[in-house]
């Protein structure tokens, strides 16, 4: 587990921590829905995750919303984008093509082949997230994966 009871990685066993009578209580089940995932985080992170979810669903309302790799995942005939909360950042996983297409705009953020880290102590770039999701939707439609 990471600090504040958050998972170190969405790929590790997910445990929900919540306040109960002033102490932290554990639930050992994985989130079954995106709602379950989002509400398991503190209010300030919950709000960020909900905004990202809203952006994805505004851009592509027909996307299938699932939990995959224990994090919110959106599919449009294939994986469109994933996101997850961590102790100090929000991870966005738009596949390598989503990273390559926005290299110039991603320079302020730590990123790798298929992931981007948006630090929680900085403003979240919701407009950039919208552009990345829109790019991924167009890419998938062009490739016939809808």
N, C-alpha and C. Protein backbone atom coordinates (compact mmCIF):
# COMPACT_ATOMS: atom_id res chain seq x y z
N UNK A 1 0.83 -1.18 0.00
CA UNK A 1 0.00 0.00 0.00
C UNK A 1 0.87 1.24 0.00
N UNK A 2 0.41 2.25 -0.72
CA UNK A 2 1.08 3.54 -0.71
C UNK A 2 0.64 4.33 0.50
N UNK A 3 1.11 5.54 0.63
CA UNK A 3 0.73 6.40 1.74
C UNK A 3 -0.75 6.71 1.70
N UNK A 4 -1.28 7.12 2.81
CA UNK A 4 -2.69 7.48 2.95
C UNK A 4 -3.62 6.32 2.61
N UNK A 5 -3.10 5.11 2.58
CA UNK A 5 -3.95 3.95 2.31
C UNK A 5 -4.30 3.76 0.85
N UNK A 6 -3.62 4.45 -0.04
CA UNK A 6 -3.90 4.30 -1.47
C UNK A 6 -3.03 3.21 -2.04
N UNK A 7 -3.50 2.55 -3.10
CA UNK A 7 -2.66 1.51 -3.70
C UNK A 7 -1.40 2.12 -4.30
N UNK A 8 -0.27 1.39 -4.20
CA UNK A 8 0.97 1.84 -4.82
C UNK A 8 0.82 1.86 -6.33
N UNK A 9 0.09 0.93 -6.84
CA UNK A 9 -0.07 0.78 -8.27
C UNK A 9 -1.44 0.19 -8.54
N UNK A 10 -2.06 0.56 -9.66
CA UNK A 10 -3.35 -0.06 -9.96
C UNK A 10 -3.21 -1.54 -10.28
N UNK A 11 -1.99 -2.02 -10.44
CA UNK A 11 -1.78 -3.41 -10.78
C UNK A 11 -1.59 -4.28 -9.54
N UNK A 12 -1.56 -3.65 -8.35
CA UNK A 12 -1.45 -4.42 -7.12
C UNK A 12 -2.83 -4.64 -6.54
N UNK A 13 -2.92 -5.47 -5.54
CA UNK A 13 -4.20 -5.75 -4.91
C UNK A 13 -4.80 -4.46 -4.37
N UNK A 14 -6.00 -4.16 -4.76
CA UNK A 14 -6.67 -2.93 -4.38
C UNK A 14 -7.38 -3.11 -3.05
N UNK A 15 -7.16 -2.22 -2.14
CA UNK A 15 -7.85 -2.22 -0.86
C UNK A 15 -8.38 -0.82 -0.63
N UNK A 16 -9.65 -0.74 -0.30
CA UNK A 16 -10.29 0.54 -0.05
C UNK A 16 -10.15 0.86 1.43
N UNK A 17 -9.68 2.05 1.71
CA UNK A 17 -9.58 2.52 3.09
C UNK A 17 -10.58 3.64 3.27
N UNK A 18 -11.26 3.64 4.38
CA UNK A 18 -12.19 4.74 4.64
C UNK A 18 -12.23 5.00 6.13
N UNK A 19 -12.65 6.21 6.47
CA UNK A 19 -12.74 6.58 7.88
C UNK A 19 -13.94 5.87 8.50
N UNK A 20 -13.74 5.32 9.67
CA UNK A 20 -14.83 4.66 10.38
C UNK A 20 -14.57 4.87 11.87
N UNK A 21 -15.33 5.75 12.46
CA UNK A 21 -15.14 6.02 13.87
C UNK A 21 -13.77 6.58 14.19
N UNK A 22 -13.19 7.36 13.26
CA UNK A 22 -11.89 7.97 13.50
C UNK A 22 -10.71 7.08 13.18
N UNK A 23 -10.93 5.84 12.78
CA UNK A 23 -9.82 4.95 12.42
C UNK A 23 -9.97 4.58 10.94
N UNK A 24 -8.93 4.00 10.41
CA UNK A 24 -8.98 3.57 9.02
C UNK A 24 -9.40 2.10 8.98
N UNK A 25 -10.42 1.80 8.18
CA UNK A 25 -10.91 0.42 8.06
C UNK A 25 -10.62 -0.06 6.64
N UNK A 26 -10.34 -1.36 6.49
CA UNK A 26 -10.00 -1.94 5.19
C UNK A 26 -11.15 -2.75 4.63
N UNK A 27 -11.33 -2.66 3.33
CA UNK A 27 -12.19 -3.57 2.59
C UNK A 27 -11.25 -4.30 1.65
N UNK A 28 -11.34 -5.61 1.58
CA UNK A 28 -10.37 -6.35 0.78
C UNK A 28 -10.85 -6.64 -0.63
N UNK A 29 -11.97 -6.12 -1.04
CA UNK A 29 -12.45 -6.42 -2.39
C UNK A 29 -11.99 -5.36 -3.38
N UNK A 30 -11.83 -5.78 -4.61
CA UNK A 30 -11.48 -4.87 -5.69
C UNK A 30 -12.72 -4.08 -6.09
N UNK A 31 -12.52 -2.88 -6.63
CA UNK A 31 -13.68 -2.12 -7.08
C UNK A 31 -14.37 -2.85 -8.24
N UNK A 32 -15.68 -2.88 -8.21
CA UNK A 32 -16.43 -3.55 -9.28
C UNK A 32 -16.91 -2.58 -10.34
N UNK A 33 -17.03 -1.30 -9.97
CA UNK A 33 -17.50 -0.28 -10.91
C UNK A 33 -16.59 0.93 -10.81
N UNK A 34 -16.70 1.81 -11.79
CA UNK A 34 -15.94 3.06 -11.75
C UNK A 34 -16.42 3.91 -10.58
N UNK A 35 -17.71 3.88 -10.29
CA UNK A 35 -18.21 4.60 -9.11
C UNK A 35 -17.52 4.11 -7.84
N UNK A 36 -17.42 2.78 -7.67
CA UNK A 36 -16.75 2.21 -6.51
C UNK A 36 -15.31 2.72 -6.41
N UNK A 37 -14.64 2.74 -7.53
CA UNK A 37 -13.25 3.19 -7.56
C UNK A 37 -13.14 4.65 -7.14
N UNK A 38 -13.93 5.51 -7.76
CA UNK A 38 -13.83 6.95 -7.52
C UNK A 38 -14.15 7.30 -6.07
N UNK A 39 -15.21 6.73 -5.52
CA UNK A 39 -15.61 7.11 -4.15
C UNK A 39 -14.67 6.56 -3.09
N UNK A 40 -13.75 5.69 -3.46
CA UNK A 40 -12.83 5.13 -2.49
C UNK A 40 -11.69 6.10 -2.13
N UNK A 41 -11.60 7.23 -2.81
CA UNK A 41 -10.52 8.18 -2.59
C UNK A 41 -11.02 9.41 -1.83
N UNK A 42 -10.09 10.14 -1.20
CA UNK A 42 -10.47 11.37 -0.50
C UNK A 42 -11.15 12.36 -1.45
N UNK A 43 -11.92 13.27 -0.90
CA UNK A 43 -12.77 14.18 -1.67
C UNK A 43 -12.02 14.92 -2.77
N UNK A 44 -10.83 15.44 -2.48
CA UNK A 44 -10.12 16.23 -3.50
C UNK A 44 -9.69 15.36 -4.68
N UNK A 45 -9.33 14.11 -4.42
CA UNK A 45 -8.95 13.19 -5.49
C UNK A 45 -10.21 12.67 -6.20
N UNK A 46 -11.24 12.40 -5.42
CA UNK A 46 -12.54 11.98 -5.96
C UNK A 46 -13.00 12.98 -7.02
N UNK A 47 -12.89 14.27 -6.71
CA UNK A 47 -13.32 15.32 -7.64
C UNK A 47 -12.52 15.29 -8.94
N UNK A 48 -11.22 15.11 -8.84
CA UNK A 48 -10.36 15.04 -10.03
C UNK A 48 -10.74 13.83 -10.89
N UNK A 49 -10.88 12.68 -10.25
CA UNK A 49 -11.23 11.46 -10.98
C UNK A 49 -12.58 11.60 -11.67
N UNK A 50 -13.54 12.21 -11.00
CA UNK A 50 -14.87 12.41 -11.59
C UNK A 50 -14.80 13.34 -12.79
N UNK A 51 -13.97 14.39 -12.71
CA UNK A 51 -13.82 15.31 -13.85
C UNK A 51 -13.22 14.58 -15.06
N UNK A 52 -12.23 13.74 -14.81
CA UNK A 52 -11.63 12.98 -15.91
C UNK A 52 -12.67 12.04 -16.51
N UNK A 53 -13.42 11.37 -15.66
CA UNK A 53 -14.49 10.48 -16.14
C UNK A 53 -15.49 11.25 -16.99
N UNK A 54 -15.89 12.42 -16.50
CA UNK A 54 -16.85 13.25 -17.24
C UNK A 54 -16.31 13.65 -18.61
N UNK A 55 -15.03 14.00 -18.67
CA UNK A 55 -14.41 14.36 -19.95
C UNK A 55 -14.49 13.20 -20.93
N UNK A 56 -14.09 12.02 -20.48
CA UNK A 56 -14.11 10.85 -21.36
C UNK A 56 -15.52 10.60 -21.87
N UNK A 57 -16.50 10.64 -20.99
CA UNK A 57 -17.88 10.35 -21.39
C UNK A 57 -18.49 11.47 -22.24
N UNK A 58 -18.02 12.70 -22.09
CA UNK A 58 -18.47 13.78 -22.98
C UNK A 58 -17.91 13.59 -24.38
N UNK A 59 -16.63 13.22 -24.47
CA UNK A 59 -15.98 13.03 -25.77
C UNK A 59 -16.53 11.80 -26.47
N UNK A 60 -16.77 10.74 -25.73
CA UNK A 60 -17.21 9.48 -26.34
C UNK A 60 -18.25 8.80 -25.44
N UNK A 61 -19.50 9.31 -25.50
CA UNK A 61 -20.54 8.76 -24.63
C UNK A 61 -20.83 7.28 -24.86
N UNK A 62 -20.49 6.78 -26.03
CA UNK A 62 -20.76 5.37 -26.34
C UNK A 62 -19.66 4.44 -25.84
N UNK A 63 -18.63 4.98 -25.20
CA UNK A 63 -17.55 4.14 -24.69
C UNK A 63 -18.08 3.19 -23.62
N UNK A 64 -17.54 2.00 -23.61
CA UNK A 64 -17.85 1.04 -22.56
C UNK A 64 -16.98 1.38 -21.36
N UNK A 65 -17.59 1.51 -20.20
CA UNK A 65 -16.89 1.86 -18.97
C UNK A 65 -16.75 0.62 -18.10
N UNK A 66 -15.52 0.22 -17.82
CA UNK A 66 -15.26 -0.99 -17.04
C UNK A 66 -14.11 -0.75 -16.08
N UNK A 67 -13.93 -1.69 -15.19
CA UNK A 67 -12.71 -1.73 -14.37
C UNK A 67 -11.83 -2.80 -14.98
N UNK A 68 -10.62 -2.40 -15.35
CA UNK A 68 -9.64 -3.33 -15.90
C UNK A 68 -8.30 -2.97 -15.27
N UNK A 69 -7.53 -3.97 -14.89
CA UNK A 69 -6.30 -3.74 -14.15
C UNK A 69 -6.59 -2.93 -12.88
N UNK A 70 -7.77 -3.11 -12.33
CA UNK A 70 -8.24 -2.47 -11.10
C UNK A 70 -8.26 -0.94 -11.19
N UNK A 71 -8.55 -0.42 -12.39
CA UNK A 71 -8.68 1.02 -12.57
C UNK A 71 -9.73 1.30 -13.64
N UNK A 72 -10.30 2.52 -13.63
CA UNK A 72 -11.28 2.87 -14.65
C UNK A 72 -10.68 2.75 -16.05
N UNK A 73 -11.43 2.09 -16.91
CA UNK A 73 -11.00 1.83 -18.28
C UNK A 73 -12.16 2.11 -19.21
N UNK A 74 -11.83 2.70 -20.36
CA UNK A 74 -12.86 3.01 -21.35
C UNK A 74 -12.47 2.31 -22.64
N UNK A 75 -13.47 1.64 -23.23
CA UNK A 75 -13.24 0.86 -24.44
C UNK A 75 -14.14 1.35 -25.55
N UNK A 76 -13.59 1.28 -26.73
CA UNK A 76 -14.34 1.60 -27.95
C UNK A 76 -13.87 0.60 -28.99
N UNK A 77 -14.32 -0.64 -28.83
CA UNK A 77 -13.85 -1.72 -29.68
C UNK A 77 -12.44 -2.16 -29.32
N UNK A 78 -11.89 -1.62 -28.30
CA UNK A 78 -10.55 -1.90 -27.79
C UNK A 78 -10.26 -0.88 -26.70
N UNK A 79 -9.14 -1.02 -26.03
CA UNK A 79 -8.82 -0.08 -24.95
C UNK A 79 -8.59 1.32 -25.50
N UNK A 80 -9.34 2.25 -24.98
CA UNK A 80 -9.24 3.65 -25.38
C UNK A 80 -8.30 4.39 -24.43
N UNK A 81 -8.61 4.34 -23.13
CA UNK A 81 -7.82 5.04 -22.13
C UNK A 81 -8.13 4.45 -20.75
N UNK A 82 -7.14 4.48 -19.86
CA UNK A 82 -7.30 4.10 -18.46
C UNK A 82 -6.85 5.31 -17.63
N UNK A 83 -7.31 5.40 -16.39
CA UNK A 83 -6.73 6.36 -15.46
C UNK A 83 -6.77 5.79 -14.06
N UNK A 84 -5.91 6.34 -13.18
CA UNK A 84 -5.82 5.83 -11.82
C UNK A 84 -5.26 6.92 -10.91
N UNK A 85 -5.59 6.81 -9.63
CA UNK A 85 -5.06 7.74 -8.62
C UNK A 85 -3.98 7.06 -7.81
N UNK A 86 -2.97 7.82 -7.49
CA UNK A 86 -1.86 7.36 -6.67
C UNK A 86 -1.63 8.39 -5.57
N UNK A 87 -0.69 8.11 -4.70
CA UNK A 87 -0.43 8.99 -3.56
C UNK A 87 -0.16 10.43 -3.99
N UNK A 88 0.64 10.64 -5.01
CA UNK A 88 1.03 12.00 -5.37
C UNK A 88 0.70 12.40 -6.81
N UNK A 89 0.01 11.52 -7.54
CA UNK A 89 -0.31 11.87 -8.93
C UNK A 89 -1.53 11.10 -9.43
N UNK A 90 -2.03 11.58 -10.56
CA UNK A 90 -3.05 10.86 -11.34
C UNK A 90 -2.33 10.29 -12.54
N UNK A 91 -2.52 9.00 -12.79
CA UNK A 91 -1.93 8.37 -13.96
C UNK A 91 -2.95 8.30 -15.07
N UNK A 92 -2.55 8.67 -16.27
CA UNK A 92 -3.39 8.55 -17.46
C UNK A 92 -2.66 7.63 -18.42
N UNK A 93 -3.38 6.66 -18.98
CA UNK A 93 -2.78 5.63 -19.82
C UNK A 93 -3.49 5.62 -21.18
N UNK A 94 -3.04 6.47 -22.11
CA UNK A 94 -3.72 6.58 -23.40
C UNK A 94 -3.08 5.76 -24.52
N UNK A 95 -2.29 4.77 -24.21
CA UNK A 95 -1.49 3.96 -25.14
C UNK A 95 -0.32 4.79 -25.67
N UNK A 96 0.70 4.14 -26.20
CA UNK A 96 1.87 4.87 -26.69
C UNK A 96 1.54 5.94 -27.75
N UNK A 97 0.58 5.67 -28.62
CA UNK A 97 0.26 6.66 -29.65
C UNK A 97 -0.30 7.94 -29.06
N UNK A 98 -1.03 7.83 -27.97
CA UNK A 98 -1.56 9.01 -27.30
C UNK A 98 -0.49 9.86 -26.66
N UNK A 99 0.62 9.23 -26.30
CA UNK A 99 1.77 9.95 -25.74
C UNK A 99 2.56 10.61 -26.88
N UNK A 100 2.84 9.84 -27.92
CA UNK A 100 3.64 10.35 -29.05
C UNK A 100 3.00 11.57 -29.69
N UNK A 101 1.69 11.56 -29.82
CA UNK A 101 0.98 12.65 -30.50
C UNK A 101 1.03 13.97 -29.74
N UNK A 102 1.34 13.91 -28.45
CA UNK A 102 1.31 15.13 -27.62
C UNK A 102 2.64 15.36 -26.90
N UNK A 103 3.73 14.86 -27.46
CA UNK A 103 5.04 15.00 -26.84
C UNK A 103 5.34 16.43 -26.39
N UNK A 104 5.09 17.39 -27.25
CA UNK A 104 5.39 18.79 -26.94
C UNK A 104 4.61 19.30 -25.75
N UNK A 105 3.35 18.93 -25.64
CA UNK A 105 2.50 19.40 -24.54
C UNK A 105 2.74 18.62 -23.25
N UNK A 106 3.40 17.49 -23.35
CA UNK A 106 3.64 16.65 -22.17
C UNK A 106 4.97 16.94 -21.49
N UNK A 107 5.77 17.85 -22.03
CA UNK A 107 7.09 18.10 -21.44
C UNK A 107 7.04 18.49 -19.96
N UNK A 108 6.01 19.18 -19.46
CA UNK A 108 6.00 19.49 -18.03
C UNK A 108 5.70 18.30 -17.12
N UNK A 109 5.31 17.18 -17.71
CA UNK A 109 4.86 16.03 -16.93
C UNK A 109 5.77 14.83 -17.13
N UNK A 110 5.94 14.06 -16.08
CA UNK A 110 6.68 12.81 -16.20
C UNK A 110 5.82 11.86 -17.05
N UNK A 111 6.41 11.28 -18.07
CA UNK A 111 5.67 10.35 -18.92
C UNK A 111 6.61 9.29 -19.47
N UNK A 112 6.00 8.21 -19.90
CA UNK A 112 6.74 7.08 -20.46
C UNK A 112 6.02 6.64 -21.72
N UNK A 113 6.35 5.48 -22.20
CA UNK A 113 5.80 4.99 -23.47
C UNK A 113 4.28 5.04 -23.54
N UNK A 114 3.59 4.67 -22.47
CA UNK A 114 2.12 4.65 -22.52
C UNK A 114 1.46 5.29 -21.32
N UNK A 115 2.21 6.07 -20.54
CA UNK A 115 1.64 6.64 -19.32
C UNK A 115 2.07 8.09 -19.10
N UNK A 116 1.22 8.82 -18.39
CA UNK A 116 1.49 10.21 -18.03
C UNK A 116 1.17 10.36 -16.55
N UNK A 117 2.00 11.10 -15.83
CA UNK A 117 1.75 11.40 -14.42
C UNK A 117 1.41 12.88 -14.28
N UNK A 118 0.21 13.16 -13.75
CA UNK A 118 -0.19 14.53 -13.45
C UNK A 118 -0.09 14.70 -11.94
N UNK A 119 0.88 15.47 -11.44
CA UNK A 119 1.05 15.63 -10.00
C UNK A 119 -0.19 16.24 -9.34
N UNK A 120 -0.52 15.73 -8.17
CA UNK A 120 -1.70 16.23 -7.45
C UNK A 120 -1.47 17.61 -6.85
N UNK A 121 -0.21 18.03 -6.73
CA UNK A 121 0.06 19.36 -6.18
C UNK A 121 0.15 20.44 -7.25
N UNK A 122 -0.26 20.10 -8.47
CA UNK A 122 -0.31 21.06 -9.58
C UNK A 122 -1.69 20.98 -10.22
N UNK A 123 -2.10 22.04 -10.93
CA UNK A 123 -3.41 21.98 -11.61
C UNK A 123 -3.43 20.83 -12.63
N UNK A 124 -4.53 20.12 -12.65
CA UNK A 124 -4.68 19.01 -13.61
C UNK A 124 -5.04 19.63 -14.96
N UNK A 125 -4.34 19.25 -16.04
CA UNK A 125 -4.59 19.83 -17.36
C UNK A 125 -5.78 19.16 -18.07
N UNK A 126 -6.98 19.53 -17.64
CA UNK A 126 -8.18 18.88 -18.18
C UNK A 126 -8.32 19.10 -19.68
N UNK A 127 -7.92 20.27 -20.19
CA UNK A 127 -8.02 20.50 -21.64
C UNK A 127 -7.10 19.56 -22.41
N UNK A 128 -5.91 19.31 -21.88
CA UNK A 128 -4.99 18.37 -22.51
C UNK A 128 -5.55 16.95 -22.46
N UNK A 129 -6.12 16.58 -21.34
CA UNK A 129 -6.74 15.26 -21.22
C UNK A 129 -7.84 15.10 -22.27
N UNK A 130 -8.66 16.14 -22.44
CA UNK A 130 -9.72 16.11 -23.45
C UNK A 130 -9.12 15.92 -24.85
N UNK A 131 -8.04 16.62 -25.15
CA UNK A 131 -7.41 16.50 -26.47
C UNK A 131 -6.85 15.09 -26.69
N UNK A 132 -6.25 14.53 -25.66
CA UNK A 132 -5.69 13.18 -25.77
C UNK A 132 -6.80 12.16 -25.99
N UNK A 133 -7.88 12.27 -25.24
CA UNK A 133 -9.00 11.33 -25.39
C UNK A 133 -9.61 11.47 -26.79
N UNK A 134 -9.79 12.71 -27.25
CA UNK A 134 -10.34 12.94 -28.59
C UNK A 134 -9.43 12.32 -29.65
N UNK A 135 -8.13 12.50 -29.50
CA UNK A 135 -7.17 11.89 -30.42
C UNK A 135 -7.34 10.38 -30.45
N UNK A 136 -7.42 9.76 -29.26
CA UNK A 136 -7.55 8.30 -29.18
C UNK A 136 -8.84 7.82 -29.83
N UNK A 137 -9.94 8.55 -29.63
CA UNK A 137 -11.21 8.17 -30.26
C UNK A 137 -11.06 8.22 -31.78
N UNK A 138 -10.52 9.31 -32.30
CA UNK A 138 -10.34 9.45 -33.75
C UNK A 138 -9.42 8.36 -34.29
N UNK A 139 -8.37 8.07 -33.56
CA UNK A 139 -7.43 7.02 -33.97
C UNK A 139 -8.13 5.67 -34.05
N UNK A 140 -8.93 5.36 -33.06
CA UNK A 140 -9.61 4.06 -33.05
C UNK A 140 -10.65 3.97 -34.15
N UNK A 141 -11.36 5.07 -34.39
CA UNK A 141 -12.37 5.06 -35.47
C UNK A 141 -11.70 4.92 -36.84
N UNK A 142 -10.56 5.60 -37.03
CA UNK A 142 -9.82 5.49 -38.29
C UNK A 142 -9.30 4.08 -38.51
N UNK A 143 -8.93 3.42 -37.43
CA UNK A 143 -8.41 2.06 -37.53
C UNK A 143 -9.50 1.00 -37.52
N UNK A 144 -10.74 1.45 -37.49
CA UNK A 144 -11.85 0.51 -37.56
C UNK A 144 -12.09 -0.27 -36.29
N UNK A 145 -11.68 0.26 -35.14
CA UNK A 145 -11.88 -0.44 -33.87
C UNK A 145 -13.02 0.18 -33.11
N UNK A 146 -14.16 0.25 -33.72
CA UNK A 146 -15.34 0.74 -32.99
C UNK A 146 -16.37 -0.32 -33.07
